[in-house]
Amino acid sequence: MPEKKLRILVVTQYFWPENMRINDLVRDFTDKGHSVTVLTGLPNYPEGEVFAEFKAAPERFNTYCGARIERVPMLPRGKRSISLILNYLSFFTSASVVGAYKLRGEHYDAVFVYAVSPIMAAIPALVIGRLKKAPVFVWVLDLWPETLRAVGVLKNPALLSIVGKMVSWIYNRTDYLLMQSHGFFDNVKKYCTKDIAAERLVYFPSWAEDDFSGATPPESTLLARDDSVFTVVFAGNLGEAQDFPAVLDAAQALVNEVAVRWVIVGDGRMSEWLSQQVQARGLTNVLLLGRHPLDAMPALFACADALLVSLKTNDVFEKTIPGKVQAYLASGRPLLGMINGEAARVIVESGAGLTCSSGDAKGLADITSALARRSADELQAMGESGRQYYLSNYSKPLLLARLEELFRTATLRKASH
């Protein structure tokens, strides 16, 4: 007898046409025949303004790969801190009220929250889950309030305490808390009641987007392969947390020492600073390619001899594995990590590359130089080792099958009570 198809509600502040990993999850569950509804806002990440193509024809964005999309009004992120706060508040308020109204009469077997910042996106899921008598799953991808303190958004102890109480309220009313990193468990437990059942806390890491797990990518239109230099590629957000001052110091240290070119792809708050510094320092070995779509990355990665992940250190970042680590591993290229904690552990454990401490520009120069001197066979073996580690630990079919089974178990448990 075939298994019953599930009715799943996904609550996420960010969704297609925004480029988010949750898009993959929704597509895969609809491909399996499950009925999926997505409750989300208006696409405006990361630019801070609602996408022009959405404003021109919003009706074109009402379905995604067979999933129905219900959008609620919200304020865009804008460019200022106050507009970002209003963006967060407007989504969870609107989704709790307008979203609940739009979904009246609907029934769900599971409510799933894509809980990147802000954690308040879980509040409408809890409201709707209670109304629908459906189990709520929160995929914890960011640690609040610690992240707010770590990045300097919120420093006032009293305000951090208030946010902590809100996090505790959310965690204690959630049926299952899914953790993207082993390092999250102790932190999350601090905000849960002491008698929380062990089965409610589940390790559930991220996977790489499909683009990185397919066949040999086509030739890159962004960068030509050049075997006369060792090519290091960084792809992703260009923010303060990625510590580009240290990256540029490492690049500068290797000028006239080793033939290395550093290729940086993406945009963010440090984009302008990077451009100015590369020019001021005369770093002709650093190429800034700007922002490009995700589907251009596999071909670009194929041109790389190593892929760089860097992150400043603090007690929050050390527990986090940046999403790019999975994409790097899946691509089968060696990794360079100027990073501490869980991500460094994964790179070392997988045998996929070399690491140095966060912020250690000399260390990054040293491991880059060491990797550049490895033979092509050694580099290929490292990349393959990383890919095998990815397939064993982060394979999307494996993870989504585990999540589907968790949905079914929770549904049966809820029905029996």
Protein backbone atom coordinates (compact mmCIF):
# COMPACT_ATOMS: atom_id res chain seq x y z
CA MET A 1 0.00 0.00 0.00
CA PRO A 2 1.57 3.36 -1.01
CA GLU A 3 2.31 5.83 1.76
CA LYS A 4 -0.10 8.70 2.26
CA LYS A 5 0.96 11.96 0.65
CA LEU A 6 1.58 14.74 3.13
CA ARG A 7 0.09 18.23 3.32
CA ILE A 8 2.96 20.52 4.27
CA LEU A 9 2.95 24.22 5.13
CA VAL A 10 6.30 25.97 4.78
CA VAL A 11 6.65 29.29 6.62
CA THR A 12 9.59 31.38 5.46
CA GLN A 13 10.28 35.09 5.22
CA TYR A 14 12.46 34.38 2.15
CA PHE A 15 11.42 32.39 -0.89
CA TRP A 16 11.63 32.23 -4.68
CA PRO A 17 12.42 34.33 -6.67
CA GLU A 18 14.86 35.03 -3.84
CA ASN A 19 17.72 32.54 -4.03
CA MET A 20 17.30 30.38 -0.92
CA ARG A 21 17.93 26.75 0.01
CA ILE A 22 14.28 26.41 1.07
CA ASN A 23 13.38 26.56 -2.63
CA ASP A 24 15.10 23.17 -3.09
CA LEU A 25 13.17 21.61 -0.22
CA VAL A 26 9.82 22.78 -1.55
CA ARG A 27 10.57 21.58 -5.08
CA ASP A 28 11.68 18.16 -3.89
CA PHE A 29 8.60 17.62 -1.73
CA THR A 30 6.26 18.56 -4.58
CA ASP A 31 8.26 16.25 -6.90
CA LYS A 32 7.49 13.44 -4.45
CA GLY A 33 3.78 14.19 -4.81
CA HIS A 34 3.24 15.96 -1.50
CA SER A 35 0.94 18.99 -1.32
CA VAL A 36 3.01 22.02 -0.33
CA THR A 37 1.84 25.52 0.53
CA VAL A 38 4.39 28.29 1.16
CA LEU A 39 3.53 31.24 3.40
CA THR A 40 6.01 34.01 2.66
CA GLY A 41 6.47 37.73 2.07
CA LEU A 42 7.44 39.91 -0.86
CA PRO A 43 10.78 39.16 -2.57
CA ASN A 44 13.29 41.88 -1.65
CA TYR A 45 16.47 40.09 -0.48
CA PRO A 46 19.30 41.06 -0.64
CA GLU A 47 18.83 44.39 -2.43
CA GLY A 48 16.27 45.68 0.07
CA GLU A 49 13.69 46.64 -2.56
CA VAL A 50 10.84 44.49 -3.87
CA PHE A 51 11.98 42.83 -7.10
CA ALA A 52 10.94 44.78 -10.19
CA GLU A 53 9.76 41.64 -12.03
CA PHE A 54 7.51 40.78 -9.07
CA LYS A 55 6.00 44.26 -8.93
CA ALA A 56 5.37 44.15 -12.68
CA ALA A 57 3.51 40.83 -12.61
CA PRO A 58 2.95 39.43 -9.08
CA GLU A 59 0.53 36.79 -10.40
CA ARG A 60 3.49 35.04 -12.08
CA PHE A 61 4.87 34.24 -8.64
CA ASN A 62 1.84 32.49 -7.11
CA THR A 63 3.14 28.96 -7.71
CA TYR A 64 6.56 27.33 -7.67
CA CYS A 65 7.19 23.85 -9.09
CA GLY A 66 3.68 22.77 -8.15
CA ALA A 67 3.66 24.44 -4.72
CA ARG A 68 1.07 27.10 -3.94
CA ILE A 69 2.45 30.40 -2.63
CA GLU A 70 0.52 32.68 -0.27
CA ARG A 71 2.25 36.04 0.16
CA VAL A 72 1.52 38.53 2.91
CA PRO A 73 2.19 42.29 2.87
CA MET A 74 5.43 43.41 4.51
CA LEU A 75 7.92 46.27 4.46
CA PRO A 76 11.09 45.70 2.40
CA ARG A 77 14.50 45.51 4.11
CA GLY A 78 15.76 48.81 2.76
CA LYS A 79 19.31 49.93 3.51
CA ARG A 80 19.04 51.16 7.10
CA SER A 81 18.90 49.32 10.43
CA ILE A 82 15.47 50.73 11.29
CA SER A 83 14.01 49.55 7.98
CA LEU A 84 15.45 46.07 8.61
CA ILE A 85 13.82 45.93 12.04
CA LEU A 86 10.49 47.04 10.55
CA ASN A 87 10.93 44.39 7.84
CA TYR A 88 11.27 41.67 10.50
CA LEU A 89 8.33 42.95 12.55
CA SER A 90 6.03 43.43 9.58
CA PHE A 91 6.54 39.89 8.29
CA PHE A 92 5.84 37.96 11.44
CA THR A 93 2.89 40.20 12.35
CA SER A 94 1.38 40.05 8.88
CA ALA A 95 1.99 36.30 8.51
CA SER A 96 0.40 35.62 11.90
CA VAL A 97 -2.75 37.60 11.12
CA VAL A 98 -3.18 37.87 7.35
CA GLY A 99 -1.48 34.52 6.78
CA ALA A 100 -3.73 32.71 9.25
CA TYR A 101 -6.76 34.28 7.56
CA LYS A 102 -5.61 33.31 4.06
CA LEU A 103 -5.10 29.70 5.20
CA ARG A 104 -8.47 29.37 6.96
CA GLY A 105 -10.14 26.04 6.28
CA GLU A 106 -6.84 24.43 5.27
CA HIS A 107 -5.44 21.33 6.99
CA TYR A 108 -1.78 20.35 7.29
CA ASP A 109 0.18 17.34 8.47
CA ALA A 110 3.27 19.41 9.25
CA VAL A 111 4.32 23.06 9.50
CA PHE A 112 7.97 23.69 8.63
CA VAL A 113 9.86 26.92 9.41
CA TYR A 114 12.97 28.01 7.52
CA ALA A 115 14.52 29.83 10.48
CA VAL A 116 17.35 31.94 9.21
CA SER A 117 17.34 35.37 10.85
CA PRO A 118 14.96 36.54 12.14
CA ILE A 119 13.72 33.79 14.48
CA MET A 120 10.39 35.65 14.73
CA ALA A 121 9.39 33.95 11.46
CA ALA A 122 8.57 30.96 13.68
CA ILE A 123 5.81 32.87 15.49
CA PRO A 124 3.22 32.70 12.64
CA ALA A 125 4.05 29.00 12.26
CA LEU A 126 3.27 28.42 15.93
CA VAL A 127 0.02 30.40 15.65
CA ILE A 128 -1.08 28.46 12.55
CA GLY A 129 0.18 25.14 13.91
CA ARG A 130 -1.96 25.62 17.02
CA LEU A 131 -5.01 26.53 14.92
CA LYS A 132 -4.50 23.55 12.60
CA LYS A 133 -3.43 21.12 15.36
CA ALA A 134 -0.35 20.33 13.25
CA PRO A 135 3.21 19.65 14.52
CA VAL A 136 5.64 22.54 14.00
CA PHE A 137 9.25 22.01 12.90
CA VAL A 138 11.72 24.89 13.21
CA TRP A 139 14.95 24.52 11.22
CA VAL A 140 17.35 26.55 13.38
CA LEU A 141 19.92 28.05 11.00
CA ASP A 142 20.96 30.99 13.16
CA LEU A 143 21.43 31.41 16.91
CA TRP A 144 19.40 34.21 18.46
CA PRO A 145 20.01 36.39 20.43
CA GLU A 146 23.73 35.48 20.30
CA THR A 147 24.05 36.37 16.60
CA LEU A 148 22.61 39.84 17.24
CA ARG A 149 25.26 40.41 19.89
CA ALA A 150 28.06 38.86 17.82
CA VAL A 151 27.50 41.09 14.79
CA GLY A 152 26.92 44.20 16.90
CA VAL A 153 23.27 44.74 15.93
CA LEU A 154 22.17 44.62 19.56
CA LYS A 155 24.46 45.28 22.53
CA ASN A 156 22.13 46.33 25.32
CA PRO A 157 21.95 43.47 27.88
CA ALA A 158 18.33 44.25 28.77
CA LEU A 159 17.23 44.10 25.12
CA LEU A 160 19.24 40.92 24.54
CA SER A 161 17.50 39.41 27.56
CA ILE A 162 14.09 40.29 26.09
CA VAL A 163 15.03 38.65 22.78
CA GLY A 164 16.27 35.62 24.74
CA LYS A 165 12.89 35.30 26.46
CA MET A 166 11.16 35.44 23.07
CA VAL A 167 13.48 32.71 21.74
CA SER A 168 12.70 30.58 24.81
CA TRP A 169 8.97 31.11 24.22
CA ILE A 170 9.34 29.95 20.61
CA TYR A 171 11.56 26.94 21.34
CA ASN A 172 9.37 25.65 24.15
CA ARG A 173 6.26 25.70 21.93
CA THR A 174 7.88 24.06 18.92
CA ASP A 175 7.36 20.32 18.42
CA TYR A 176 10.76 19.72 16.79
CA LEU A 177 13.90 21.87 16.68
CA LEU A 178 16.17 20.93 13.78
CA MET A 179 19.82 22.01 14.20
CA GLN A 180 22.08 22.78 11.21
CA SER A 181 25.20 22.13 13.27
CA HIS A 182 26.21 19.86 16.15
CA GLY A 183 27.50 23.03 17.80
CA PHE A 184 23.94 24.38 18.12
CA PHE A 185 22.63 21.78 20.58
CA ASP A 186 23.98 23.17 23.86
CA ASN A 187 23.01 26.70 22.90
CA VAL A 188 19.44 25.78 21.97
CA LYS A 189 19.02 23.67 25.13
CA LYS A 190 19.74 26.79 27.23
CA TYR A 191 16.46 28.27 26.04
CA CYS A 192 14.39 25.11 26.47
CA THR A 193 12.74 23.80 29.61
CA LYS A 194 14.88 21.19 31.37
CA ASP A 195 12.51 18.34 30.65
CA ILE A 196 12.61 18.73 26.85
CA ALA A 197 12.44 15.30 25.19
CA ALA A 198 15.62 14.27 23.37
CA GLU A 199 13.71 13.32 20.21
CA ARG A 200 12.55 16.94 19.84
CA LEU A 201 16.14 18.05 19.15
CA VAL A 202 17.29 16.76 15.76
CA TYR A 203 20.54 17.23 13.84
CA PHE A 204 19.57 18.38 10.35
CA PRO A 205 22.39 20.02 8.35
CA SER A 206 22.19 21.97 5.11
CA TRP A 207 22.91 20.51 1.68
CA ALA A 208 24.38 21.99 -1.49
CA GLU A 209 22.05 23.25 -4.20
CA ASP A 210 21.47 20.83 -7.07
CA ASP A 211 23.76 22.82 -9.39
CA PHE A 212 26.82 21.59 -7.46
CA SER A 213 25.91 17.92 -7.40
CA GLY A 214 25.29 17.29 -11.08
CA ALA A 215 27.41 16.26 -14.03
CA THR A 216 30.56 18.04 -15.21
CA PRO A 217 29.68 21.74 -15.49
CA PRO A 218 30.01 23.62 -18.78
CA GLU A 219 32.86 26.02 -19.46
CA SER A 220 32.67 29.15 -17.32
CA THR A 221 31.74 32.44 -18.96
CA LEU A 222 33.11 34.32 -15.94
CA LEU A 223 36.67 33.01 -15.79
CA ALA A 224 39.04 31.12 -18.05
CA ARG A 225 41.01 28.20 -16.67
CA ASP A 226 44.69 29.16 -16.30
CA ASP A 227 47.12 26.41 -15.34
CA SER A 228 50.00 28.87 -15.03
CA VAL A 229 48.60 30.20 -11.73
CA PHE A 230 47.00 28.68 -8.65
CA THR A 231 43.41 29.94 -8.60
CA VAL A 232 41.59 30.52 -5.30
CA VAL A 233 37.88 31.32 -5.55
CA PHE A 234 35.68 32.89 -2.88
CA ALA A 235 31.93 33.02 -3.61
CA GLY A 236 29.22 34.50 -1.43
CA ASN A 237 28.36 37.44 0.77
CA LEU A 238 31.01 40.16 0.94
CA GLY A 239 30.39 41.29 4.50
CA GLU A 240 32.40 42.25 7.55
CA ALA A 241 32.09 38.74 9.00
CA GLN A 242 34.07 37.29 6.08
CA ASP A 243 37.19 39.24 7.17
CA PHE A 244 38.40 40.52 3.81
CA PRO A 245 41.13 42.68 5.35
CA ALA A 246 42.88 39.46 6.38
CA VAL A 247 42.19 37.86 2.97
CA LEU A 248 43.78 40.83 1.16
CA ASP A 249 46.74 40.78 3.56
CA ALA A 250 47.30 37.12 2.63
CA ALA A 251 46.99 37.91 -1.08
CA GLN A 252 49.49 40.76 -0.71
CA ALA A 253 51.93 38.55 1.20
CA LEU A 254 52.08 36.07 -1.68
CA VAL A 255 52.76 38.61 -4.42
CA ASN A 256 56.14 37.69 -5.97
CA GLU A 257 56.19 34.56 -3.75
CA VAL A 258 53.73 32.18 -5.39
CA ALA A 259 51.74 32.54 -8.61
CA VAL A 260 48.26 32.82 -7.09
CA ARG A 261 45.17 34.64 -8.35
CA TRP A 262 42.34 35.35 -5.96
CA VAL A 263 38.88 35.45 -7.53
CA ILE A 264 36.12 37.00 -5.40
CA VAL A 265 32.51 36.62 -6.53
CA GLY A 266 29.49 38.17 -4.83
CA ASP A 267 28.42 41.46 -3.31
CA GLY A 268 27.66 42.92 0.08
CA ARG A 269 28.58 45.70 2.48
CA MET A 270 32.32 45.29 1.87
CA SER A 271 32.09 45.42 -1.94
CA GLU A 272 33.09 49.06 -2.29
CA TRP A 273 35.85 48.76 0.32
CA LEU A 274 37.25 45.72 -1.48
CA SER A 275 37.31 47.51 -4.81
CA GLN A 276 39.09 50.52 -3.30
CA GLN A 277 41.62 48.39 -1.43
CA VAL A 278 42.48 46.19 -4.41
CA GLN A 279 43.19 49.32 -6.43
CA ALA A 280 45.04 51.14 -3.63
CA ARG A 281 47.27 48.14 -2.92
CA GLY A 282 47.86 47.42 -6.60
CA LEU A 283 46.70 43.84 -6.19
CA THR A 284 46.57 42.75 -9.81
CA ASN A 285 46.32 39.14 -8.53
CA VAL A 286 42.86 39.82 -7.05
CA LEU A 287 39.87 39.72 -9.42
CA LEU A 288 36.49 41.09 -8.31
CA LEU A 289 33.79 39.59 -10.53
CA GLY A 290 30.71 41.03 -8.82
CA ARG A 291 27.46 39.20 -8.21
CA HIS A 292 26.34 36.37 -10.51
CA PRO A 293 23.53 33.82 -10.40
CA LEU A 294 23.93 30.55 -8.54
CA ASP A 295 23.81 28.47 -11.72
CA ALA A 296 27.04 30.14 -12.90
CA MET A 297 28.96 28.93 -9.82
CA PRO A 298 29.62 25.23 -10.65
CA ALA A 299 31.41 26.18 -13.87
CA LEU A 300 33.36 28.87 -12.03
CA PHE A 301 34.33 26.44 -9.26
CA ALA A 302 35.62 24.04 -11.93
CA CYS A 303 38.18 26.73 -12.85
CA ALA A 304 39.44 26.88 -9.27
CA ASP A 305 42.32 25.00 -7.71
CA ALA A 306 40.93 25.79 -4.25
CA LEU A 307 37.78 27.32 -2.75
CA LEU A 308 38.06 29.75 0.14
CA VAL A 309 35.80 30.04 3.18
CA SER A 310 36.62 32.71 5.77
CA LEU A 311 34.79 33.88 8.87
CA LYS A 312 35.68 36.01 11.85
CA THR A 313 35.66 34.17 15.13
CA ASN A 314 33.26 34.45 18.03
CA ASP A 315 31.28 31.99 20.13
CA VAL A 316 28.40 32.01 17.61
CA PHE A 317 30.32 31.73 14.34
CA GLU A 318 32.40 28.84 15.72
CA LYS A 319 29.22 26.78 16.11
CA THR A 320 28.00 27.55 12.59
CA ILE A 321 28.84 25.89 9.30
CA PRO A 322 28.47 28.45 6.47
CA GLY A 323 26.24 27.08 3.70
CA LYS A 324 29.03 27.51 1.17
CA VAL A 325 31.02 24.71 2.85
CA GLN A 326 28.53 22.11 1.60
CA ALA A 327 28.58 23.61 -1.91
CA TYR A 328 32.38 23.61 -1.91
CA LEU A 329 32.56 19.98 -0.78
CA ALA A 330 29.97 18.89 -3.36
CA SER A 331 31.94 20.56 -6.14
CA GLY A 332 34.92 18.27 -5.57
CA ARG A 333 37.54 21.02 -5.21
CA PRO A 334 40.04 21.42 -2.32
CA LEU A 335 39.12 23.88 0.42
CA LEU A 336 41.08 26.62 2.15
CA GLY A 337 39.55 27.63 5.47
CA MET A 338 40.49 30.70 7.51
CA ILE A 339 37.93 29.69 10.06
CA ASN A 340 37.47 28.14 13.51
CA GLY A 341 35.04 25.70 15.09
CA GLU A 342 32.63 23.35 13.34
CA ALA A 343 33.51 24.40 9.79
CA ALA A 344 37.24 23.86 10.41
CA ARG A 345 36.44 20.46 11.91
CA VAL A 346 34.52 19.45 8.80
CA ILE A 347 37.32 20.53 6.45
CA VAL A 348 39.93 18.61 8.43
CA GLU A 349 37.73 15.56 9.08
CA SER A 350 36.78 15.29 5.41
CA GLY A 351 40.39 15.51 4.25
CA ALA A 352 39.18 18.14 1.76
CA GLY A 353 41.69 20.88 2.47
CA LEU A 354 43.76 22.97 4.85
CA THR A 355 42.73 25.39 7.58
CA CYS A 356 44.19 28.16 9.70
CA SER A 357 42.75 30.20 12.53
CA SER A 358 40.21 32.94 11.89
CA GLY A 359 41.84 36.29 11.20
CA ASP A 360 45.28 34.74 10.62
CA ALA A 361 46.41 36.39 7.37
CA LYS A 362 49.89 34.85 7.60
CA GLY A 363 48.34 31.44 8.24
CA LEU A 364 46.12 31.83 5.18
CA ALA A 365 49.14 32.81 3.07
CA ASP A 366 51.03 29.77 4.40
CA ILE A 367 48.30 27.19 3.72
CA THR A 368 47.60 28.72 0.29
CA SER A 369 51.29 28.47 -0.56
CA ALA A 370 51.41 24.88 0.74
CA LEU A 371 48.36 23.87 -1.27
CA ALA A 372 49.72 25.57 -4.41
CA ARG A 373 52.79 23.32 -4.18
CA ARG A 374 50.74 20.10 -4.11
CA SER A 375 50.64 17.99 -7.25
CA ALA A 376 47.57 17.87 -9.46
CA ASP A 377 46.92 14.29 -8.30
CA GLU A 378 47.05 15.33 -4.64
CA LEU A 379 44.64 18.20 -5.25
CA GLN A 380 42.26 15.90 -7.11
CA ALA A 381 42.39 13.37 -4.26
CA MET A 382 41.57 16.11 -1.73
CA GLY A 383 38.62 17.30 -3.79
CA GLU A 384 37.29 13.78 -4.21
CA SER A 385 37.67 13.13 -0.49
CA GLY A 386 35.56 16.21 0.19
CA ARG A 387 32.91 15.14 -2.29
CA GLN A 388 32.63 11.67 -0.75
CA TYR A 389 32.29 13.25 2.68
CA TYR A 390 29.53 15.45 1.30
CA LEU A 391 27.64 12.49 -0.16
CA SER A 392 27.87 10.61 3.14
CA ASN A 393 26.86 13.51 5.40
CA TYR A 394 25.02 16.20 3.45
CA SER A 395 23.37 14.50 0.48
CA LYS A 396 20.03 16.20 -0.16
CA PRO A 397 18.07 13.00 -1.01
CA LEU A 398 19.33 11.45 2.23
CA LEU A 399 18.43 14.48 4.35
CA LEU A 400 15.00 15.07 2.81
CA ALA A 401 14.08 11.39 3.17
CA ARG A 402 14.97 11.74 6.87
CA LEU A 403 12.79 14.85 7.15
CA GLU A 404 9.87 13.17 5.38
CA GLU A 405 10.06 10.27 7.85
CA LEU A 406 10.14 12.76 10.73
CA PHE A 407 7.00 14.45 9.38
CA ARG A 408 5.20 11.10 9.21
CA THR A 409 6.27 10.08 12.72
CA ALA A 410 5.17 13.43 14.16
CA THR A 411 1.84 13.27 12.35
CA LEU A 412 1.12 9.81 13.81
CA ARG A 413 2.19 10.94 17.28
CA LYS A 414 -0.03 14.02 17.10
CA ALA A 415 -2.99 11.95 15.93
CA SER A 416 -2.59 9.48 18.80
CA HIS A 417 -2.79 12.21 21.48
